[in-house]
Amino acid sequence: MAEVRAELVANVWKVVVAEGDTVEEGDTLVILESMKMEIPVVAEDAGVVSALKVSEGDVIQEGDLIAVID
């Protein structure tokens, strides 16, 4: 199990995956927006997205859980 956490305060601009999706290492999970820059959040491991904890438009803080990959 791998937890994907936010590395900065940002808005969730786009959610690319859904719970149950299979992802490979390096696949984009969500795209964050901070200071007019788009920041992709990628999977560090291959697996299945078992939990997606953000929605488009959410404001997240550093350390917030974005997704869980099993």
PDB file of N, CA and C in Angstrom:
ATOM      1  N   MET A   1       0.846  -1.180   0.000  1.00  0.00           N
ATOM      2  CA  MET A   1       0.000   0.000   0.000  1.00  0.00           C
ATOM      3  C   MET A   1       0.891   1.244   0.000  1.00  0.00           C
ATOM      4  N   ALA A   2       0.585   2.183  -0.857  1.00  0.00           N
ATOM      5  CA  ALA A   2       1.330   3.439  -0.927  1.00  0.00           C
ATOM      6  C   ALA A   2       0.359   4.600  -0.775  1.00  0.00           C
ATOM      7  N   GLU A   3       0.669   5.509   0.141  1.00  0.00           N
ATOM      8  CA  GLU A   3      -0.134   6.715   0.309  1.00  0.00           C
ATOM      9  C   GLU A   3       0.502   7.828  -0.508  1.00  0.00           C
ATOM     10  N   VAL A   4      -0.322   8.530  -1.274  1.00  0.00           N
ATOM     11  CA  VAL A   4       0.144   9.666  -2.054  1.00  0.00           C
ATOM     12  C   VAL A   4      -0.329  10.917  -1.320  1.00  0.00           C
ATOM     13  N   ARG A   5       0.612  11.754  -0.914  1.00  0.00           N
ATOM     14  CA  ARG A   5       0.291  12.942  -0.123  1.00  0.00           C
ATOM     15  C   ARG A   5       0.712  14.213  -0.861  1.00  0.00           C
ATOM     16  N   ALA A   6       0.033  15.307  -0.537  1.00  0.00           N
ATOM     17  CA  ALA A   6       0.340  16.603  -1.142  1.00  0.00           C
ATOM     18  C   ALA A   6       1.680  17.112  -0.631  1.00  0.00           C
ATOM     19  N   GLU A   7       2.459  17.678  -1.521  1.00  0.00           N
ATOM     20  CA  GLU A   7       3.746  18.247  -1.140  1.00  0.00           C
ATOM     21  C   GLU A   7       3.673  19.752  -0.947  1.00  0.00           C
ATOM     22  N   LEU A   8       2.499  20.356  -1.253  1.00  0.00           N
ATOM     23  CA  LEU A   8       2.345  21.792  -1.118  1.00  0.00           C
ATOM     24  C   LEU A   8       0.870  22.139  -0.988  1.00  0.00           C
ATOM     25  N   VAL A   9       0.607  23.368  -0.594  1.00  0.00           N
ATOM     26  CA  VAL A   9      -0.768  23.877  -0.554  1.00  0.00           C
ATOM     27  C   VAL A   9      -1.170  24.190  -1.988  1.00  0.00           C
ATOM     28  N   ALA A  10      -2.330  23.682  -2.415  1.00  0.00           N
ATOM     29  CA  ALA A  10      -2.743  23.872  -3.811  1.00  0.00           C
ATOM     30  C   ALA A  10      -4.231  23.606  -3.963  1.00  0.00           C
ATOM     31  N   ASN A  11      -4.742  23.965  -5.132  1.00  0.00           N
ATOM     32  CA  ASN A  11      -6.102  23.619  -5.530  1.00  0.00           C
ATOM     33  C   ASN A  11      -6.028  22.372  -6.397  1.00  0.00           C
ATOM     34  N   VAL A  12      -7.012  21.485  -6.249  1.00  0.00           N
ATOM     35  CA  VAL A  12      -7.100  20.315  -7.129  1.00  0.00           C
ATOM     36  C   VAL A  12      -7.756  20.792  -8.414  1.00  0.00           C
ATOM     37  N   TRP A  13      -6.959  20.884  -9.479  1.00  0.00           N
ATOM     38  CA  TRP A  13      -7.451  21.401 -10.749  1.00  0.00           C
ATOM     39  C   TRP A  13      -8.169  20.308 -11.548  1.00  0.00           C
ATOM     40  N   LYS A  14      -7.563  19.110 -11.586  1.00  0.00           N
ATOM     41  CA  LYS A  14      -8.161  18.025 -12.375  1.00  0.00           C
ATOM     42  C   LYS A  14      -7.833  16.692 -11.729  1.00  0.00           C
ATOM     43  N   VAL A  15      -8.835  15.827 -11.636  1.00  0.00           N
ATOM     44  CA  VAL A  15      -8.638  14.455 -11.166  1.00  0.00           C
ATOM     45  C   VAL A  15      -8.600  13.562 -12.399  1.00  0.00           C
ATOM     46  N   VAL A  16      -7.501  12.842 -12.578  1.00  0.00           N
ATOM     47  CA  VAL A  16      -7.284  12.056 -13.795  1.00  0.00           C
ATOM     48  C   VAL A  16      -7.733  10.603 -13.625  1.00  0.00           C
ATOM     49  N   VAL A  17      -7.643  10.073 -12.402  1.00  0.00           N
ATOM     50  CA  VAL A  17      -7.978   8.670 -12.153  1.00  0.00           C
ATOM     51  C   VAL A  17      -9.218   8.565 -11.267  1.00  0.00           C
ATOM     52  N   ALA A  18      -9.746   7.365 -11.177  1.00  0.00           N
ATOM     53  CA  ALA A  18     -10.895   7.077 -10.304  1.00  0.00           C
ATOM     54  C   ALA A  18     -10.546   5.868  -9.444  1.00  0.00           C
ATOM     55  N   GLU A  19     -11.277   5.702  -8.347  1.00  0.00           N
ATOM     56  CA  GLU A  19     -11.077   4.513  -7.517  1.00  0.00           C
ATOM     57  C   GLU A  19     -11.298   3.276  -8.375  1.00  0.00           C
ATOM     58  N   GLY A  20     -10.415   2.299  -8.219  1.00  0.00           N
ATOM     59  CA  GLY A  20     -10.507   1.063  -8.988  1.00  0.00           C
ATOM     60  C   GLY A  20      -9.641   1.045 -10.232  1.00  0.00           C
ATOM     61  N   ASP A  21      -9.126   2.217 -10.634  1.00  0.00           N
ATOM     62  CA  ASP A  21      -8.260   2.278 -11.812  1.00  0.00           C
ATOM     63  C   ASP A  21      -6.905   1.638 -11.512  1.00  0.00           C
ATOM     64  N   THR A  22      -6.344   0.966 -12.509  1.00  0.00           N
ATOM     65  CA  THR A  22      -4.994   0.428 -12.414  1.00  0.00           C
ATOM     66  C   THR A  22      -4.036   1.487 -12.945  1.00  0.00           C
ATOM     67  N   VAL A  23      -2.965   1.745 -12.191  1.00  0.00           N
ATOM     68  CA  VAL A  23      -1.983   2.744 -12.604  1.00  0.00           C
ATOM     69  C   VAL A  23      -0.590   2.126 -12.622  1.00  0.00           C
ATOM     70  N   GLU A  24       0.254   2.699 -13.440  1.00  0.00           N
ATOM     71  CA  GLU A  24       1.657   2.303 -13.515  1.00  0.00           C
ATOM     72  C   GLU A  24       2.501   3.379 -12.838  1.00  0.00           C
ATOM     73  N   GLU A  25       3.699   3.016 -12.445  1.00  0.00           N
ATOM     74  CA  GLU A  25       4.616   4.000 -11.865  1.00  0.00           C
ATOM     75  C   GLU A  25       4.787   5.163 -12.844  1.00  0.00           C
ATOM     76  N   GLY A  26       4.615   6.384 -12.360  1.00  0.00           N
ATOM     77  CA  GLY A  26       4.771   7.571 -13.203  1.00  0.00           C
ATOM     78  C   GLY A  26       3.483   8.086 -13.809  1.00  0.00           C
ATOM     79  N   ASP A  27       2.379   7.325 -13.690  1.00  0.00           N
ATOM     80  CA  ASP A  27       1.094   7.795 -14.216  1.00  0.00           C
ATOM     81  C   ASP A  27       0.595   8.982 -13.392  1.00  0.00           C
ATOM     82  N   THR A  28      -0.020   9.954 -14.055  1.00  0.00           N
ATOM     83  CA  THR A  28      -0.582  11.116 -13.367  1.00  0.00           C
ATOM     84  C   THR A  28      -1.888  10.727 -12.684  1.00  0.00           C
ATOM     85  N   LEU A  29      -2.011  11.084 -11.398  1.00  0.00           N
ATOM     86  CA  LEU A  29      -3.226  10.819 -10.628  1.00  0.00           C
ATOM     87  C   LEU A  29      -4.132  12.036 -10.605  1.00  0.00           C
ATOM     88  N   VAL A  30      -3.574  13.168 -10.236  1.00  0.00           N
ATOM     89  CA  VAL A  30      -4.312  14.434 -10.215  1.00  0.00           C
ATOM     90  C   VAL A  30      -3.367  15.534 -10.669  1.00  0.00           C
ATOM     91  N   ILE A  31      -3.960  16.671 -11.048  1.00  0.00           N
ATOM     92  CA  ILE A  31      -3.169  17.849 -11.397  1.00  0.00           C
ATOM     93  C   ILE A  31      -3.567  18.951 -10.424  1.00  0.00           C
ATOM     94  N   LEU A  32      -2.563  19.478  -9.743  1.00  0.00           N
ATOM     95  CA  LEU A  32      -2.783  20.555  -8.780  1.00  0.00           C
ATOM     96  C   LEU A  32      -2.473  21.888  -9.446  1.00  0.00           C
ATOM     97  N   GLU A  33      -3.056  22.961  -8.909  1.00  0.00           N
ATOM     98  CA  GLU A  33      -2.771  24.306  -9.396  1.00  0.00           C
ATOM     99  C   GLU A  33      -2.339  25.137  -8.201  1.00  0.00           C
ATOM    100  N   SER A  34      -1.178  25.752  -8.336  1.00  0.00           N
ATOM    101  CA  SER A  34      -0.667  26.626  -7.289  1.00  0.00           C
ATOM    102  C   SER A  34       0.086  27.771  -7.956  1.00  0.00           C
ATOM    103  N   MET A  35      -0.260  28.985  -7.616  1.00  0.00           N
ATOM    104  CA  MET A  35       0.383  30.178  -8.180  1.00  0.00           C
ATOM    105  C   MET A  35       0.394  30.132  -9.709  1.00  0.00           C
ATOM    106  N   LYS A  36      -0.740  29.739 -10.290  1.00  0.00           N
ATOM    107  CA  LYS A  36      -0.942  29.678 -11.742  1.00  0.00           C
ATOM    108  C   LYS A  36      -0.061  28.653 -12.447  1.00  0.00           C
ATOM    109  N   MET A  37       0.502  27.705 -11.686  1.00  0.00           N
ATOM    110  CA  MET A  37       1.284  26.617 -12.273  1.00  0.00           C
ATOM    111  C   MET A  37       0.520  25.319 -12.093  1.00  0.00           C
ATOM    112  N   GLU A  38       0.560  24.459 -13.105  1.00  0.00           N
ATOM    113  CA  GLU A  38      -0.054  23.139 -13.016  1.00  0.00           C
ATOM    114  C   GLU A  38       1.008  22.132 -12.584  1.00  0.00           C
ATOM    115  N   ILE A  39       0.700  21.388 -11.513  1.00  0.00           N
ATOM    116  CA  ILE A  39       1.660  20.450 -10.947  1.00  0.00           C
ATOM    117  C   ILE A  39       1.053  19.049 -10.956  1.00  0.00           C
ATOM    118  N   PRO A  40       1.568  18.147 -11.789  1.00  0.00           N
ATOM    119  CA  PRO A  40       1.037  16.785 -11.783  1.00  0.00           C
ATOM    120  C   PRO A  40       1.511  16.016 -10.549  1.00  0.00           C
ATOM    121  N   VAL A  41       0.610  15.231  -9.987  1.00  0.00           N
ATOM    122  CA  VAL A  41       0.950  14.317  -8.893  1.00  0.00           C
ATOM    123  C   VAL A  41       0.933  12.925  -9.502  1.00  0.00           C
ATOM    124  N   VAL A  42       2.062  12.230  -9.435  1.00  0.00           N
ATOM    125  CA  VAL A  42       2.199  10.944 -10.120  1.00  0.00           C
ATOM    126  C   VAL A  42       2.285   9.789  -9.135  1.00  0.00           C
ATOM    127  N   ALA A  43       1.929   8.614  -9.624  1.00  0.00           N
ATOM    128  CA  ALA A  43       2.029   7.390  -8.825  1.00  0.00           C
ATOM    129  C   ALA A  43       3.497   7.005  -8.704  1.00  0.00           C
ATOM    130  N   GLU A  44       3.930   6.726  -7.481  1.00  0.00           N
ATOM    131  CA  GLU A  44       5.310   6.301  -7.269  1.00  0.00           C
ATOM    132  C   GLU A  44       5.455   4.792  -7.416  1.00  0.00           C
ATOM    133  N   ASP A  45       4.324   4.072  -7.380  1.00  0.00           N
ATOM    134  CA  ASP A  45       4.310   2.618  -7.536  1.00  0.00           C
ATOM    135  C   ASP A  45       3.152   2.231  -8.442  1.00  0.00           C
ATOM    136  N   ALA A  46       3.270   1.068  -9.082  1.00  0.00           N
ATOM    137  CA  ALA A  46       2.167   0.522  -9.857  1.00  0.00           C
ATOM    138  C   ALA A  46       1.169  -0.130  -8.907  1.00  0.00           C
ATOM    139  N   GLY A  47      -0.091  -0.166  -9.299  1.00  0.00           N
ATOM    140  CA  GLY A  47      -1.112  -0.814  -8.484  1.00  0.00           C
ATOM    141  C   GLY A  47      -2.500  -0.344  -8.849  1.00  0.00           C
ATOM    142  N   VAL A  48      -3.421  -0.527  -7.906  1.00  0.00           N
ATOM    143  CA  VAL A  48      -4.818  -0.137  -8.101  1.00  0.00           C
ATOM    144  C   VAL A  48      -5.139   0.989  -7.132  1.00  0.00           C
ATOM    145  N   VAL A  49      -5.808   2.031  -7.632  1.00  0.00           N
ATOM    146  CA  VAL A  49      -6.227   3.142  -6.776  1.00  0.00           C
ATOM    147  C   VAL A  49      -7.364   2.639  -5.892  1.00  0.00           C
ATOM    148  N   SER A  50      -7.068   2.404  -4.611  1.00  0.00           N
ATOM    149  CA  SER A  50      -8.089   1.862  -3.706  1.00  0.00           C
ATOM    150  C   SER A  50      -8.871   2.960  -2.998  1.00  0.00           C
ATOM    151  N   ALA A  51      -8.300   4.166  -2.924  1.00  0.00           N
ATOM    152  CA  ALA A  51      -9.008   5.288  -2.305  1.00  0.00           C
ATOM    153  C   ALA A  51      -8.541   6.577  -2.965  1.00  0.00           C
ATOM    154  N   LEU A  52      -9.497   7.423  -3.298  1.00  0.00           N
ATOM    155  CA  LEU A  52      -9.210   8.738  -3.859  1.00  0.00           C
ATOM    156  C   LEU A  52      -9.854   9.749  -2.924  1.00  0.00           C
ATOM    157  N   LYS A  53      -9.049  10.576  -2.284  1.00  0.00           N
ATOM    158  CA  LYS A  53      -9.518  11.430  -1.192  1.00  0.00           C
ATOM    159  C   LYS A  53      -9.722  12.887  -1.580  1.00  0.00           C
ATOM    160  N   VAL A  54      -9.592  13.231  -2.862  1.00  0.00           N
ATOM    161  CA  VAL A  54      -9.782  14.614  -3.298  1.00  0.00           C
ATOM    162  C   VAL A  54     -10.758  14.668  -4.468  1.00  0.00           C
ATOM    163  N   SER A  55     -11.329  15.851  -4.660  1.00  0.00           N
ATOM    164  CA  SER A  55     -12.216  16.131  -5.789  1.00  0.00           C
ATOM    165  C   SER A  55     -11.749  17.414  -6.450  1.00  0.00           C
ATOM    166  N   GLU A  56     -12.130  17.588  -7.714  1.00  0.00           N
ATOM    167  CA  GLU A  56     -11.777  18.820  -8.413  1.00  0.00           C
ATOM    168  C   GLU A  56     -12.353  20.011  -7.652  1.00  0.00           C
ATOM    169  N   GLY A  57     -11.525  21.028  -7.472  1.00  0.00           N
ATOM    170  CA  GLY A  57     -11.941  22.226  -6.748  1.00  0.00           C
ATOM    171  C   GLY A  57     -11.548  22.243  -5.281  1.00  0.00           C
ATOM    172  N   ASP A  58     -11.145  21.094  -4.742  1.00  0.00           N
ATOM    173  CA  ASP A  58     -10.713  21.045  -3.343  1.00  0.00           C
ATOM    174  C   ASP A  58      -9.444  21.878  -3.152  1.00  0.00           C
ATOM    175  N   VAL A  59      -9.308  22.447  -1.962  1.00  0.00           N
ATOM    176  CA  VAL A  59      -8.064  23.089  -1.560  1.00  0.00           C
ATOM    177  C   VAL A  59      -7.390  22.137  -0.581  1.00  0.00           C
ATOM    178  N   ILE A  60      -6.161  21.755  -0.881  1.00  0.00           N
ATOM    179  CA  ILE A  60      -5.454  20.809  -0.021  1.00  0.00           C
ATOM    180  C   ILE A  60      -4.241  21.472   0.598  1.00  0.00           C
ATOM    181  N   GLN A  61      -3.850  20.946   1.743  1.00  0.00           N
ATOM    182  CA  GLN A  61      -2.708  21.456   2.487  1.00  0.00           C
ATOM    183  C   GLN A  61      -1.542  20.477   2.351  1.00  0.00           C
ATOM    184  N   GLU A  62      -0.343  20.949   2.613  1.00  0.00           N
ATOM    185  CA  GLU A  62       0.826  20.093   2.582  1.00  0.00           C
ATOM    186  C   GLU A  62       0.618  18.913   3.537  1.00  0.00           C
ATOM    187  N   GLY A  63       0.838  17.705   3.040  1.00  0.00           N
ATOM    188  CA  GLY A  63       0.690  16.498   3.844  1.00  0.00           C
ATOM    189  C   GLY A  63      -0.666  15.837   3.748  1.00  0.00           C
ATOM    190  N   ASP A  64      -1.660  16.513   3.134  1.00  0.00           N
ATOM    191  CA  ASP A  64      -2.989  15.895   2.991  1.00  0.00           C
ATOM    192  C   ASP A  64      -2.915  14.650   2.111  1.00  0.00           C
ATOM    193  N   LEU A  65      -3.726  13.660   2.459  1.00  0.00           N
ATOM    194  CA  LEU A  65      -3.797  12.421   1.679  1.00  0.00           C
ATOM    195  C   LEU A  65      -4.570  12.671   0.391  1.00  0.00           C
ATOM    196  N   ILE A  66      -3.957  12.311  -0.743  1.00  0.00           N
ATOM    197  CA  ILE A  66      -4.598  12.450  -2.045  1.00  0.00           C
ATOM    198  C   ILE A  66      -5.192  11.118  -2.485  1.00  0.00           C
ATOM    199  N   ALA A  67      -4.410  10.061  -2.395  1.00  0.00           N
ATOM    200  CA  ALA A  67      -4.873   8.748  -2.859  1.00  0.00           C
ATOM    201  C   ALA A  67      -4.095   7.638  -2.152  1.00  0.00           C
ATOM    202  N   VAL A  68      -4.673   6.431  -2.213  1.00  0.00           N
ATOM    203  CA  VAL A  68      -4.013   5.240  -1.711  1.00  0.00           C
ATOM    204  C   VAL A  68      -3.942   4.255  -2.879  1.00  0.00           C
ATOM    205  N   ILE A  69      -2.749   3.707  -3.105  1.00  0.00           N
ATOM    206  CA  ILE A  69      -2.544   2.742  -4.180  1.00  0.00           C
ATOM    207  C   ILE A  69      -2.145   1.409  -3.549  1.00  0.00           C
ATOM    208  N   ASP A  70      -2.881   0.353  -3.854  1.00  0.00           N
ATOM    209  CA  ASP A  70      -2.572  -0.991  -3.359  1.00  0.00           C
ATOM    210  C   ASP A  70      -1.938  -1.825  -4.446  1.00  0.00           C
TER     211      ASP A  70
END
